């Protein structure tokens, strides 16, 4: 039995460069990916949506996938942005 990876992490995209990098990574995936701040849920593939949030603090992200390989690849792609 394969243990499912957690689909929710916190990331630091507190600079324009980090936010752009994160957005570019998300565009490579078919899966829905959310950026969550308080009561707002934004599509991570929308750079305007990301910049509508306060990116000065860590943001929660969630990828919607049951495929462990996709989850592992996605989190490896953004590993340098994950804070917790």
PDB file of N, CA and C in Angstrom:
ATOM      1  N   UNK A   1       0.847  -1.190   0.000  1.00  0.00           N
ATOM      2  CA  UNK A   1       0.000   0.000   0.000  1.00  0.00           C
ATOM      3  C   UNK A   1       0.884   1.242   0.000  1.00  0.00           C
ATOM      4  N   UNK A   2       0.565   2.173  -0.877  1.00  0.00           N
ATOM      5  CA  UNK A   2       1.313   3.418  -0.968  1.00  0.00           C
ATOM      6  C   UNK A   2       0.648   4.460  -0.088  1.00  0.00           C
ATOM      7  N   UNK A   3       1.441   5.097   0.765  1.00  0.00           N
ATOM      8  CA  UNK A   3       0.906   6.151   1.624  1.00  0.00           C
ATOM      9  C   UNK A   3       0.768   7.426   0.803  1.00  0.00           C
ATOM     10  N   UNK A   4      -0.383   8.068   0.885  1.00  0.00           N
ATOM     11  CA  UNK A   4      -0.623   9.297   0.139  1.00  0.00           C
ATOM     12  C   UNK A   4       0.174  10.440   0.752  1.00  0.00           C
ATOM     13  N   UNK A   5       0.778  11.243  -0.088  1.00  0.00           N
ATOM     14  CA  UNK A   5       1.438  12.443   0.378  1.00  0.00           C
ATOM     15  C   UNK A   5       0.385  13.467   0.766  1.00  0.00           C
ATOM     16  N   UNK A   6       0.720  14.304   1.714  1.00  0.00           N
ATOM     17  CA  UNK A   6      -0.177  15.395   2.081  1.00  0.00           C
ATOM     18  C   UNK A   6      -0.308  16.311   0.876  1.00  0.00           C
ATOM     19  N   UNK A   7      -1.501  16.797   0.609  1.00  0.00           N
ATOM     20  CA  UNK A   7      -1.696  17.649  -0.561  1.00  0.00           C
ATOM     21  C   UNK A   7      -1.705  19.130  -0.213  1.00  0.00           C
ATOM     22  N   UNK A   8      -1.357  19.498   1.021  1.00  0.00           N
ATOM     23  CA  UNK A   8      -1.381  20.889   1.446  1.00  0.00           C
ATOM     24  C   UNK A   8      -0.040  21.265   2.080  1.00  0.00           C
ATOM     25  N   UNK A   9       0.543  22.362   1.608  1.00  0.00           N
ATOM     26  CA  UNK A   9       1.807  22.866   2.147  1.00  0.00           C
ATOM     27  C   UNK A   9       1.757  24.383   2.226  1.00  0.00           C
ATOM     28  N   UNK A  10       2.695  24.950   2.953  1.00  0.00           N
ATOM     29  CA  UNK A  10       2.859  26.397   3.031  1.00  0.00           C
ATOM     30  C   UNK A  10       4.093  26.773   2.240  1.00  0.00           C
ATOM     31  N   UNK A  11       3.987  27.841   1.453  1.00  0.00           N
ATOM     32  CA  UNK A  11       5.118  28.286   0.639  1.00  0.00           C
ATOM     33  C   UNK A  11       5.404  29.766   0.862  1.00  0.00           C
ATOM     34  N   UNK A  12       6.635  30.139   0.574  1.00  0.00           N
ATOM     35  CA  UNK A  12       7.064  31.529   0.630  1.00  0.00           C
ATOM     36  C   UNK A  12       7.256  32.015  -0.795  1.00  0.00           C
ATOM     37  N   UNK A  13       6.362  32.867  -1.244  1.00  0.00           N
ATOM     38  CA  UNK A  13       6.514  33.502  -2.562  1.00  0.00           C
ATOM     39  C   UNK A  13       6.499  35.019  -2.366  1.00  0.00           C
ATOM     40  N   UNK A  14       7.300  35.463  -1.391  1.00  0.00           N
ATOM     41  CA  UNK A  14       7.270  36.853  -0.962  1.00  0.00           C
ATOM     42  C   UNK A  14       7.991  37.825  -1.895  1.00  0.00           C
ATOM     43  N   UNK A  15       8.512  37.338  -3.000  1.00  0.00           N
ATOM     44  CA  UNK A  15       9.105  38.250  -3.979  1.00  0.00           C
ATOM     45  C   UNK A  15       8.444  37.995  -5.337  1.00  0.00           C
ATOM     46  N   UNK A  16       8.563  38.954  -6.210  1.00  0.00           N
ATOM     47  CA  UNK A  16       7.990  38.815  -7.548  1.00  0.00           C
ATOM     48  C   UNK A  16       8.617  37.630  -8.273  1.00  0.00           C
ATOM     49  N   UNK A  17       9.933  37.451  -8.109  1.00  0.00           N
ATOM     50  CA  UNK A  17      10.615  36.348  -8.777  1.00  0.00           C
ATOM     51  C   UNK A  17      10.105  34.988  -8.284  1.00  0.00           C
ATOM     52  N   UNK A  18       9.935  34.849  -6.975  1.00  0.00           N
ATOM     53  CA  UNK A  18       9.431  33.588  -6.421  1.00  0.00           C
ATOM     54  C   UNK A  18       8.001  33.318  -6.886  1.00  0.00           C
ATOM     55  N   UNK A  19       7.181  34.355  -6.895  1.00  0.00           N
ATOM     56  CA  UNK A  19       5.790  34.198  -7.332  1.00  0.00           C
ATOM     57  C   UNK A  19       5.732  33.782  -8.799  1.00  0.00           C
ATOM     58  N   UNK A  20       6.566  34.396  -9.634  1.00  0.00           N
ATOM     59  CA  UNK A  20       6.606  34.032 -11.053  1.00  0.00           C
ATOM     60  C   UNK A  20       7.082  32.599 -11.235  1.00  0.00           C
ATOM     61  N   UNK A  21       8.123  32.202 -10.490  1.00  0.00           N
ATOM     62  CA  UNK A  21       8.632  30.837 -10.585  1.00  0.00           C
ATOM     63  C   UNK A  21       7.543  29.834 -10.194  1.00  0.00           C
ATOM     64  N   UNK A  22       6.862  30.110  -9.091  1.00  0.00           N
ATOM     65  CA  UNK A  22       5.793  29.227  -8.639  1.00  0.00           C
ATOM     66  C   UNK A  22       4.711  29.107  -9.704  1.00  0.00           C
ATOM     67  N   UNK A  23       4.301  30.234 -10.254  1.00  0.00           N
ATOM     68  CA  UNK A  23       3.270  30.234 -11.287  1.00  0.00           C
ATOM     69  C   UNK A  23       3.720  29.449 -12.512  1.00  0.00           C
ATOM     70  N   UNK A  24       4.961  29.608 -12.926  1.00  0.00           N
ATOM     71  CA  UNK A  24       5.480  28.870 -14.077  1.00  0.00           C
ATOM     72  C   UNK A  24       5.461  27.364 -13.834  1.00  0.00           C
ATOM     73  N   UNK A  25       5.785  26.949 -12.615  1.00  0.00           N
ATOM     74  CA  UNK A  25       5.741  25.518 -12.274  1.00  0.00           C
ATOM     75  C   UNK A  25       4.307  25.007 -12.356  1.00  0.00           C
ATOM     76  N   UNK A  26       3.368  25.757 -11.807  1.00  0.00           N
ATOM     77  CA  UNK A  26       1.973  25.286 -11.787  1.00  0.00           C
ATOM     78  C   UNK A  26       1.412  25.109 -13.195  1.00  0.00           C
ATOM     79  N   UNK A  27       1.878  25.932 -14.128  1.00  0.00           N
ATOM     80  CA  UNK A  27       1.374  25.851 -15.503  1.00  0.00           C
ATOM     81  C   UNK A  27       1.774  24.562 -16.206  1.00  0.00           C
ATOM     82  N   UNK A  28       2.748  23.838 -15.668  1.00  0.00           N
ATOM     83  CA  UNK A  28       3.189  22.573 -16.241  1.00  0.00           C
ATOM     84  C   UNK A  28       2.263  21.407 -15.883  1.00  0.00           C
ATOM     85  N   UNK A  29       1.346  21.627 -14.961  1.00  0.00           N
ATOM     86  CA  UNK A  29       0.511  20.548 -14.439  1.00  0.00           C
ATOM     87  C   UNK A  29      -0.943  20.699 -14.888  1.00  0.00           C
ATOM     88  N   UNK A  30      -1.577  19.578 -15.205  1.00  0.00           N
ATOM     89  CA  UNK A  30      -2.995  19.558 -15.560  1.00  0.00           C
ATOM     90  C   UNK A  30      -3.877  19.735 -14.336  1.00  0.00           C
ATOM     91  N   UNK A  31      -3.382  19.292 -13.187  1.00  0.00           N
ATOM     92  CA  UNK A  31      -4.173  19.285 -11.966  1.00  0.00           C
ATOM     93  C   UNK A  31      -4.512  20.709 -11.517  1.00  0.00           C
ATOM     94  N   UNK A  32      -5.634  20.825 -10.807  1.00  0.00           N
ATOM     95  CA  UNK A  32      -5.983  22.105 -10.201  1.00  0.00           C
ATOM     96  C   UNK A  32      -5.072  22.337  -9.006  1.00  0.00           C
ATOM     97  N   UNK A  33      -4.564  23.555  -8.893  1.00  0.00           N
ATOM     98  CA  UNK A  33      -3.685  23.931  -7.791  1.00  0.00           C
ATOM     99  C   UNK A  33      -4.206  25.238  -7.231  1.00  0.00           C
ATOM    100  N   UNK A  34      -4.423  25.258  -5.925  1.00  0.00           N
ATOM    101  CA  UNK A  34      -4.974  26.441  -5.265  1.00  0.00           C
ATOM    102  C   UNK A  34      -3.926  27.125  -4.406  1.00  0.00           C
ATOM    103  N   UNK A  35      -4.033  28.445  -4.301  1.00  0.00           N
ATOM    104  CA  UNK A  35      -3.301  29.239  -3.321  1.00  0.00           C
ATOM    105  C   UNK A  35      -4.370  29.759  -2.365  1.00  0.00           C
ATOM    106  N   UNK A  36      -4.159  29.533  -1.075  1.00  0.00           N
ATOM    107  CA  UNK A  36      -5.183  29.856  -0.085  1.00  0.00           C
ATOM    108  C   UNK A  36      -4.628  30.858   0.915  1.00  0.00           C
ATOM    109  N   UNK A  37      -5.355  31.925   1.106  1.00  0.00           N
ATOM    110  CA  UNK A  37      -5.002  32.936   2.103  1.00  0.00           C
ATOM    111  C   UNK A  37      -6.284  33.340   2.815  1.00  0.00           C
ATOM    112  N   UNK A  38      -6.341  33.021   4.088  1.00  0.00           N
ATOM    113  CA  UNK A  38      -7.530  33.284   4.892  1.00  0.00           C
ATOM    114  C   UNK A  38      -8.750  32.638   4.222  1.00  0.00           C
ATOM    115  N   UNK A  39      -9.714  33.430   3.796  1.00  0.00           N
ATOM    116  CA  UNK A  39     -10.919  32.861   3.189  1.00  0.00           C
ATOM    117  C   UNK A  39     -10.898  32.889   1.662  1.00  0.00           C
ATOM    118  N   UNK A  40      -9.769  33.306   1.093  1.00  0.00           N
ATOM    119  CA  UNK A  40      -9.653  33.397  -0.357  1.00  0.00           C
ATOM    120  C   UNK A  40      -8.942  32.175  -0.932  1.00  0.00           C
ATOM    121  N   UNK A  41      -9.494  31.645  -2.005  1.00  0.00           N
ATOM    122  CA  UNK A  41      -8.878  30.535  -2.730  1.00  0.00           C
ATOM    123  C   UNK A  41      -8.677  31.007  -4.166  1.00  0.00           C
ATOM    124  N   UNK A  42      -7.406  31.029  -4.580  1.00  0.00           N
ATOM    125  CA  UNK A  42      -7.035  31.557  -5.888  1.00  0.00           C
ATOM    126  C   UNK A  42      -6.445  30.433  -6.730  1.00  0.00           C
ATOM    127  N   UNK A  43      -6.712  30.452  -8.015  1.00  0.00           N
ATOM    128  CA  UNK A  43      -6.110  29.502  -8.943  1.00  0.00           C
ATOM    129  C   UNK A  43      -4.622  29.837  -9.073  1.00  0.00           C
ATOM    130  N   UNK A  44      -3.756  28.880  -8.722  1.00  0.00           N
ATOM    131  CA  UNK A  44      -2.307  29.119  -8.758  1.00  0.00           C
ATOM    132  C   UNK A  44      -1.790  29.351 -10.166  1.00  0.00           C
ATOM    133  N   UNK A  45      -2.574  29.023 -11.163  1.00  0.00           N
ATOM    134  CA  UNK A  45      -2.152  29.230 -12.544  1.00  0.00           C
ATOM    135  C   UNK A  45      -2.443  30.650 -13.025  1.00  0.00           C
ATOM    136  N   UNK A  46      -3.052  31.455 -12.160  1.00  0.00           N
ATOM    137  CA  UNK A  46      -3.372  32.842 -12.475  1.00  0.00           C
ATOM    138  C   UNK A  46      -2.383  33.766 -11.769  1.00  0.00           C
ATOM    139  N   UNK A  47      -1.463  34.323 -12.525  1.00  0.00           N
ATOM    140  CA  UNK A  47      -0.474  35.222 -11.926  1.00  0.00           C
ATOM    141  C   UNK A  47      -1.157  36.462 -11.351  1.00  0.00           C
ATOM    142  N   UNK A  48      -2.204  36.945 -12.005  1.00  0.00           N
ATOM    143  CA  UNK A  48      -2.937  38.099 -11.458  1.00  0.00           C
ATOM    144  C   UNK A  48      -3.628  37.737 -10.156  1.00  0.00           C
ATOM    145  N   UNK A  49      -4.159  36.514 -10.086  1.00  0.00           N
ATOM    146  CA  UNK A  49      -4.778  36.057  -8.850  1.00  0.00           C
ATOM    147  C   UNK A  49      -3.772  35.994  -7.722  1.00  0.00           C
ATOM    148  N   UNK A  50      -2.594  35.464  -8.005  1.00  0.00           N
ATOM    149  CA  UNK A  50      -1.546  35.378  -6.977  1.00  0.00           C
ATOM    150  C   UNK A  50      -1.187  36.771  -6.473  1.00  0.00           C
ATOM    151  N   UNK A  51      -1.009  37.708  -7.404  1.00  0.00           N
ATOM    152  CA  UNK A  51      -0.629  39.057  -6.992  1.00  0.00           C
ATOM    153  C   UNK A  51      -1.776  39.842  -6.359  1.00  0.00           C
ATOM    154  N   UNK A  52      -2.982  39.303  -6.387  1.00  0.00           N
ATOM    155  CA  UNK A  52      -4.088  39.957  -5.686  1.00  0.00           C
ATOM    156  C   UNK A  52      -4.044  39.646  -4.190  1.00  0.00           C
ATOM    157  N   UNK A  53      -3.217  38.676  -3.802  1.00  0.00           N
ATOM    158  CA  UNK A  53      -3.070  38.294  -2.402  1.00  0.00           C
ATOM    159  C   UNK A  53      -1.885  39.021  -1.773  1.00  0.00           C
ATOM    160  N   UNK A  54      -1.873  39.049  -0.454  1.00  0.00           N
ATOM    161  CA  UNK A  54      -0.720  39.571   0.277  1.00  0.00           C
ATOM    162  C   UNK A  54       0.335  38.465   0.288  1.00  0.00           C
ATOM    163  N   UNK A  55       1.348  38.596  -0.560  1.00  0.00           N
ATOM    164  CA  UNK A  55       2.361  37.541  -0.662  1.00  0.00           C
ATOM    165  C   UNK A  55       3.522  37.752   0.315  1.00  0.00           C
ATOM    166  N   UNK A  56       3.406  38.736   1.194  1.00  0.00           N
ATOM    167  CA  UNK A  56       4.492  38.991   2.146  1.00  0.00           C
ATOM    168  C   UNK A  56       4.570  37.925   3.233  1.00  0.00           C
ATOM    169  N   UNK A  57       3.506  37.169   3.410  1.00  0.00           N
ATOM    170  CA  UNK A  57       3.459  36.091   4.399  1.00  0.00           C
ATOM    171  C   UNK A  57       3.312  34.757   3.667  1.00  0.00           C
ATOM    172  N   UNK A  58       3.730  33.653   4.316  1.00  0.00           N
ATOM    173  CA  UNK A  58       3.546  32.341   3.671  1.00  0.00           C
ATOM    174  C   UNK A  58       2.083  32.084   3.306  1.00  0.00           C
ATOM    175  N   UNK A  59       1.893  31.394   2.196  1.00  0.00           N
ATOM    176  CA  UNK A  59       0.564  31.060   1.701  1.00  0.00           C
ATOM    177  C   UNK A  59       0.403  29.552   1.653  1.00  0.00           C
ATOM    178  N   UNK A  60      -0.808  29.096   1.885  1.00  0.00           N
ATOM    179  CA  UNK A  60      -1.096  27.678   1.791  1.00  0.00           C
ATOM    180  C   UNK A  60      -1.362  27.339   0.330  1.00  0.00           C
ATOM    181  N   UNK A  61      -0.862  26.189  -0.092  1.00  0.00           N
ATOM    182  CA  UNK A  61      -1.161  25.707  -1.438  1.00  0.00           C
ATOM    183  C   UNK A  61      -1.733  24.304  -1.338  1.00  0.00           C
ATOM    184  N   UNK A  62      -2.547  23.966  -2.306  1.00  0.00           N
ATOM    185  CA  UNK A  62      -3.149  22.630  -2.353  1.00  0.00           C
ATOM    186  C   UNK A  62      -3.228  22.201  -3.809  1.00  0.00           C
ATOM    187  N   UNK A  63      -2.718  21.001  -4.080  1.00  0.00           N
ATOM    188  CA  UNK A  63      -2.839  20.427  -5.416  1.00  0.00           C
ATOM    189  C   UNK A  63      -3.874  19.317  -5.333  1.00  0.00           C
ATOM    190  N   UNK A  64      -4.758  19.273  -6.301  1.00  0.00           N
ATOM    191  CA  UNK A  64      -5.840  18.287  -6.316  1.00  0.00           C
ATOM    192  C   UNK A  64      -5.433  17.108  -7.193  1.00  0.00           C
ATOM    193  N   UNK A  65      -4.873  16.090  -6.544  1.00  0.00           N
ATOM    194  CA  UNK A  65      -4.453  14.895  -7.265  1.00  0.00           C
ATOM    195  C   UNK A  65      -4.383  13.718  -6.300  1.00  0.00           C
ATOM    196  N   UNK A  66      -4.742  12.555  -6.797  1.00  0.00           N
ATOM    197  CA  UNK A  66      -4.605  11.318  -6.027  1.00  0.00           C
ATOM    198  C   UNK A  66      -3.381  10.537  -6.480  1.00  0.00           C
ATOM    199  N   UNK A  67      -2.639  11.088  -7.417  1.00  0.00           N
ATOM    200  CA  UNK A  67      -1.485  10.409  -7.990  1.00  0.00           C
ATOM    201  C   UNK A  67      -0.223  10.809  -7.222  1.00  0.00           C
ATOM    202  N   UNK A  68       0.339   9.869  -6.460  1.00  0.00           N
ATOM    203  CA  UNK A  68       1.529  10.165  -5.659  1.00  0.00           C
ATOM    204  C   UNK A  68       2.713  10.614  -6.494  1.00  0.00           C
ATOM    205  N   UNK A  69       2.837  10.083  -7.695  1.00  0.00           N
ATOM    206  CA  UNK A  69       3.953  10.481  -8.557  1.00  0.00           C
ATOM    207  C   UNK A  69       3.833  11.948  -8.949  1.00  0.00           C
ATOM    208  N   UNK A  70       2.623  12.379  -9.279  1.00  0.00           N
ATOM    209  CA  UNK A  70       2.393  13.785  -9.629  1.00  0.00           C
ATOM    210  C   UNK A  70       2.656  14.670  -8.417  1.00  0.00           C
ATOM    211  N   UNK A  71       2.147  14.266  -7.257  1.00  0.00           N
ATOM    212  CA  UNK A  71       2.362  15.054  -6.042  1.00  0.00           C
ATOM    213  C   UNK A  71       3.846  15.178  -5.727  1.00  0.00           C
ATOM    214  N   UNK A  72       4.564  14.075  -5.778  1.00  0.00           N
ATOM    215  CA  UNK A  72       5.994  14.096  -5.470  1.00  0.00           C
ATOM    216  C   UNK A  72       6.749  14.978  -6.454  1.00  0.00           C
ATOM    217  N   UNK A  73       6.424  14.875  -7.739  1.00  0.00           N
ATOM    218  CA  UNK A  73       7.093  15.685  -8.758  1.00  0.00           C
ATOM    219  C   UNK A  73       6.799  17.177  -8.545  1.00  0.00           C
ATOM    220  N   UNK A  74       5.538  17.494  -8.248  1.00  0.00           N
ATOM    221  CA  UNK A  74       5.155  18.887  -8.025  1.00  0.00           C
ATOM    222  C   UNK A  74       5.905  19.469  -6.834  1.00  0.00           C
ATOM    223  N   UNK A  75       5.899  18.753  -5.710  1.00  0.00           N
ATOM    224  CA  UNK A  75       6.562  19.285  -4.516  1.00  0.00           C
ATOM    225  C   UNK A  75       8.077  19.325  -4.683  1.00  0.00           C
ATOM    226  N   UNK A  76       8.639  18.450  -5.480  1.00  0.00           N
ATOM    227  CA  UNK A  76      10.068  18.525  -5.779  1.00  0.00           C
ATOM    228  C   UNK A  76      10.350  19.786  -6.593  1.00  0.00           C
ATOM    229  N   UNK A  77       9.457  20.111  -7.528  1.00  0.00           N
ATOM    230  CA  UNK A  77       9.621  21.299  -8.369  1.00  0.00           C
ATOM    231  C   UNK A  77       9.576  22.601  -7.562  1.00  0.00           C
ATOM    232  N   UNK A  78       8.851  22.595  -6.449  1.00  0.00           N
ATOM    233  CA  UNK A  78       8.719  23.832  -5.657  1.00  0.00           C
ATOM    234  C   UNK A  78       9.396  23.712  -4.301  1.00  0.00           C
ATOM    235  N   UNK A  79      10.257  22.721  -4.122  1.00  0.00           N
ATOM    236  CA  UNK A  79      10.866  22.443  -2.821  1.00  0.00           C
ATOM    237  C   UNK A  79      11.513  23.657  -2.190  1.00  0.00           C
ATOM    238  N   UNK A  80      12.175  24.484  -2.967  1.00  0.00           N
ATOM    239  CA  UNK A  80      12.853  25.646  -2.405  1.00  0.00           C
ATOM    240  C   UNK A  80      11.890  26.733  -1.925  1.00  0.00           C
ATOM    241  N   UNK A  81      10.608  26.607  -2.227  1.00  0.00           N
ATOM    242  CA  UNK A  81       9.606  27.586  -1.780  1.00  0.00           C
ATOM    243  C   UNK A  81       8.840  27.127  -0.541  1.00  0.00           C
ATOM    244  N   UNK A  82       8.879  25.824  -0.234  1.00  0.00           N
ATOM    245  CA  UNK A  82       8.103  25.286   0.884  1.00  0.00           C
ATOM    246  C   UNK A  82       8.729  25.722   2.208  1.00  0.00           C
ATOM    247  N   UNK A  83       7.897  26.235   3.093  1.00  0.00           N
ATOM    248  CA  UNK A  83       8.367  26.658   4.413  1.00  0.00           C
ATOM    249  C   UNK A  83       7.873  25.758   5.535  1.00  0.00           C
ATOM    250  N   UNK A  84       6.791  25.061   5.334  1.00  0.00           N
ATOM    251  CA  UNK A  84       6.280  24.116   6.353  1.00  0.00           C
ATOM    252  C   UNK A  84       5.193  23.260   5.763  1.00  0.00           C
TER     253      UNK A  84
END
